Amino acid sequence: MLALALYYVVSLSFPAAPVLGSLSGALSTFCNALNSIVPIVAMLMVVAGGVIYAGGQLMGAETRARANVWATSMLVGAVIGIMIRVVAPGILSVLYSGTYTC
């Protein structure tokens, strides 16, 4: 009985998750988020990679080598993010039978 009362109290404190209207709405939301977030994050990664590279040049040999690897990884991550941003609308339109536009 106590478990049932506890379940009831917990279920009242968490409202039901909203139901998506359709797959098209979900894809549109995903595409809008992709279009707004990825370029900003990619630019921040490029700037942070430059800062890490420049900071590593002031340090010793081992730290310089690690900073070069970190900076290169950040630049590669930014390029991959931009590529995903460019390619994703085409892939989504193919997956959604060509009727989807981002």
C-alpha atoms as a PDB file:
ATOM      1  CA  MET A   1       0.000   0.000   0.000  1.00  0.00           C
ATOM      2  CA  LEU A   2       2.839   2.358   0.836  1.00  0.00           C
ATOM      3  CA  ALA A   3       4.513   1.584  -2.493  1.00  0.00           C
ATOM      4  CA  LEU A   4       1.314   2.433  -4.354  1.00  0.00           C
ATOM      5  CA  ALA A   5       0.994   5.760  -2.525  1.00  0.00           C
ATOM      6  CA  LEU A   6       4.649   6.551  -3.225  1.00  0.00           C
ATOM      7  CA  TYR A   7       4.168   5.713  -6.906  1.00  0.00           C
ATOM      8  CA  TYR A   8       1.142   8.017  -7.040  1.00  0.00           C
ATOM      9  CA  VAL A   9       3.026  10.923  -5.443  1.00  0.00           C
ATOM     10  CA  VAL A  10       6.018  10.484  -7.740  1.00  0.00           C
ATOM     11  CA  SER A  11       3.841  10.224 -10.853  1.00  0.00           C
ATOM     12  CA  LEU A  12       2.069  13.455  -9.966  1.00  0.00           C
ATOM     13  CA  SER A  13       5.350  15.318  -9.622  1.00  0.00           C
ATOM     14  CA  PHE A  14       6.483  14.448 -13.177  1.00  0.00           C
ATOM     15  CA  PRO A  15       4.122  15.534 -15.937  1.00  0.00           C
ATOM     16  CA  ALA A  16       3.773  13.394 -19.030  1.00  0.00           C
ATOM     17  CA  ALA A  17       6.237  14.051 -21.833  1.00  0.00           C
ATOM     18  CA  PRO A  18       4.770  15.964 -24.774  1.00  0.00           C
ATOM     19  CA  VAL A  19       3.948  13.805 -27.772  1.00  0.00           C
ATOM     20  CA  LEU A  20       5.518  14.837 -31.058  1.00  0.00           C
ATOM     21  CA  GLY A  21       3.019  15.650 -33.762  1.00  0.00           C
ATOM     22  CA  SER A  22       4.824  13.836 -36.525  1.00  0.00           C
ATOM     23  CA  LEU A  23       8.170  12.722 -37.774  1.00  0.00           C
ATOM     24  CA  SER A  24       8.312  15.794 -39.965  1.00  0.00           C
ATOM     25  CA  GLY A  25       8.000  18.052 -36.918  1.00  0.00           C
ATOM     26  CA  ALA A  26      10.746  16.169 -35.113  1.00  0.00           C
ATOM     27  CA  LEU A  27      13.054  16.384 -38.122  1.00  0.00           C
ATOM     28  CA  SER A  28      12.331  20.071 -38.518  1.00  0.00           C
ATOM     29  CA  THR A  29      13.168  20.709 -34.877  1.00  0.00           C
ATOM     30  CA  PHE A  30      16.382  18.694 -35.212  1.00  0.00           C
ATOM     31  CA  CYS A  31      17.385  20.546 -38.365  1.00  0.00           C
ATOM     32  CA  ASN A  32      16.706  23.957 -36.811  1.00  0.00           C
ATOM     33  CA  ALA A  33      18.797  23.047 -33.778  1.00  0.00           C
ATOM     34  CA  LEU A  34      21.561  21.779 -36.056  1.00  0.00           C
ATOM     35  CA  ASN A  35      21.528  24.960 -38.111  1.00  0.00           C
ATOM     36  CA  SER A  36      21.750  27.196 -35.066  1.00  0.00           C
ATOM     37  CA  ILE A  37      24.171  25.356 -32.754  1.00  0.00           C
ATOM     38  CA  VAL A  38      26.812  23.681 -34.936  1.00  0.00           C
ATOM     39  CA  PRO A  39      28.324  26.803 -36.579  1.00  0.00           C
ATOM     40  CA  ILE A  40      28.685  28.517 -33.208  1.00  0.00           C
ATOM     41  CA  VAL A  41      30.340  25.491 -31.605  1.00  0.00           C
ATOM     42  CA  ALA A  42      32.622  25.025 -34.624  1.00  0.00           C
ATOM     43  CA  MET A  43      33.805  28.628 -34.443  1.00  0.00           C
ATOM     44  CA  LEU A  44      34.433  28.331 -30.712  1.00  0.00           C
ATOM     45  CA  MET A  45      36.448  25.173 -31.347  1.00  0.00           C
ATOM     46  CA  VAL A  46      38.577  26.934 -33.958  1.00  0.00           C
ATOM     47  CA  VAL A  47      39.269  29.835 -31.596  1.00  0.00           C
ATOM     48  CA  ALA A  48      39.977  27.536 -28.638  1.00  0.00           C
ATOM     49  CA  GLY A  49      42.280  25.408 -30.813  1.00  0.00           C
ATOM     50  CA  GLY A  50      44.236  28.513 -31.760  1.00  0.00           C
ATOM     51  CA  VAL A  51      44.520  29.597 -28.141  1.00  0.00           C
ATOM     52  CA  ILE A  52      45.662  26.131 -27.061  1.00  0.00           C
ATOM     53  CA  TYR A  53      48.221  25.973 -29.867  1.00  0.00           C
ATOM     54  CA  ALA A  54      49.592  29.419 -29.019  1.00  0.00           C
ATOM     55  CA  GLY A  55      49.703  28.629 -25.315  1.00  0.00           C
ATOM     56  CA  GLY A  56      51.481  25.354 -25.973  1.00  0.00           C
ATOM     57  CA  GLN A  57      54.247  27.124 -27.863  1.00  0.00           C
ATOM     58  CA  LEU A  58      55.212  28.891 -24.646  1.00  0.00           C
ATOM     59  CA  MET A  59      55.638  25.635 -22.705  1.00  0.00           C
ATOM     60  CA  GLY A  60      58.165  22.828 -22.718  1.00  0.00           C
ATOM     61  CA  ALA A  61      58.551  20.192 -25.430  1.00  0.00           C
ATOM     62  CA  GLU A  62      56.137  17.634 -23.952  1.00  0.00           C
ATOM     63  CA  THR A  63      53.407  20.182 -23.288  1.00  0.00           C
ATOM     64  CA  ARG A  64      53.949  21.705 -26.728  1.00  0.00           C
ATOM     65  CA  ALA A  65      53.431  18.314 -28.340  1.00  0.00           C
ATOM     66  CA  ARG A  66      50.251  17.708 -26.349  1.00  0.00           C
ATOM     67  CA  ALA A  67      48.940  21.173 -27.173  1.00  0.00           C
ATOM     68  CA  ASN A  68      49.551  20.532 -30.880  1.00  0.00           C
ATOM     69  CA  VAL A  69      47.526  17.313 -30.670  1.00  0.00           C
ATOM     70  CA  TRP A  70      44.704  19.020 -28.775  1.00  0.00           C
ATOM     71  CA  ALA A  71      44.599  21.952 -31.195  1.00  0.00           C
ATOM     72  CA  THR A  72      44.586  19.635 -34.203  1.00  0.00           C
ATOM     73  CA  SER A  73      41.789  17.583 -32.653  1.00  0.00           C
ATOM     74  CA  MET A  74      39.724  20.700 -32.071  1.00  0.00           C
ATOM     75  CA  LEU A  75      40.205  21.864 -35.661  1.00  0.00           C
ATOM     76  CA  VAL A  76      39.255  18.438 -37.011  1.00  0.00           C
ATOM     77  CA  GLY A  77      36.172  18.427 -34.766  1.00  0.00           C
ATOM     78  CA  ALA A  78      35.149  21.835 -36.100  1.00  0.00           C
ATOM     79  CA  VAL A  79      35.552  20.676 -39.710  1.00  0.00           C
ATOM     80  CA  ILE A  80      33.528  17.520 -39.043  1.00  0.00           C
ATOM     81  CA  GLY A  81      30.819  19.619 -37.378  1.00  0.00           C
ATOM     82  CA  ILE A  82      30.576  21.914 -40.397  1.00  0.00           C
ATOM     83  CA  MET A  83      30.458  18.895 -42.709  1.00  0.00           C
ATOM     84  CA  ILE A  84      27.602  17.420 -40.667  1.00  0.00           C
ATOM     85  CA  ARG A  85      25.807  20.769 -40.828  1.00  0.00           C
ATOM     86  CA  VAL A  86      26.127  20.854 -44.629  1.00  0.00           C
ATOM     87  CA  VAL A  87      25.278  17.203 -45.310  1.00  0.00           C
ATOM     88  CA  ALA A  88      22.497  16.573 -42.745  1.00  0.00           C
ATOM     89  CA  PRO A  89      19.623  18.288 -44.627  1.00  0.00           C
ATOM     90  CA  GLY A  90      20.301  16.181 -47.720  1.00  0.00           C
ATOM     91  CA  ILE A  91      20.423  12.979 -45.700  1.00  0.00           C
ATOM     92  CA  LEU A  92      17.220  13.871 -43.863  1.00  0.00           C
ATOM     93  CA  SER A  93      15.451  14.580 -47.134  1.00  0.00           C
ATOM     94  CA  VAL A  94      16.529  11.184 -48.538  1.00  0.00           C
ATOM     95  CA  LEU A  95      15.433   9.397 -45.365  1.00  0.00           C
ATOM     96  CA  TYR A  96      12.087  11.164 -45.361  1.00  0.00           C
ATOM     97  CA  SER A  97      11.268  10.243 -48.982  1.00  0.00           C
ATOM     98  CA  GLY A  98      12.444  13.484 -50.554  1.00  0.00           C
ATOM     99  CA  THR A  99       9.532  15.517 -49.214  1.00  0.00           C
ATOM    100  CA  TYR A 100      11.493  17.048 -46.345  1.00  0.00           C
ATOM    101  CA  THR A 101      13.263  20.374 -46.721  1.00  0.00           C
ATOM    102  CA  CYS A 102      15.323  21.929 -43.976  1.00  0.00           C
END
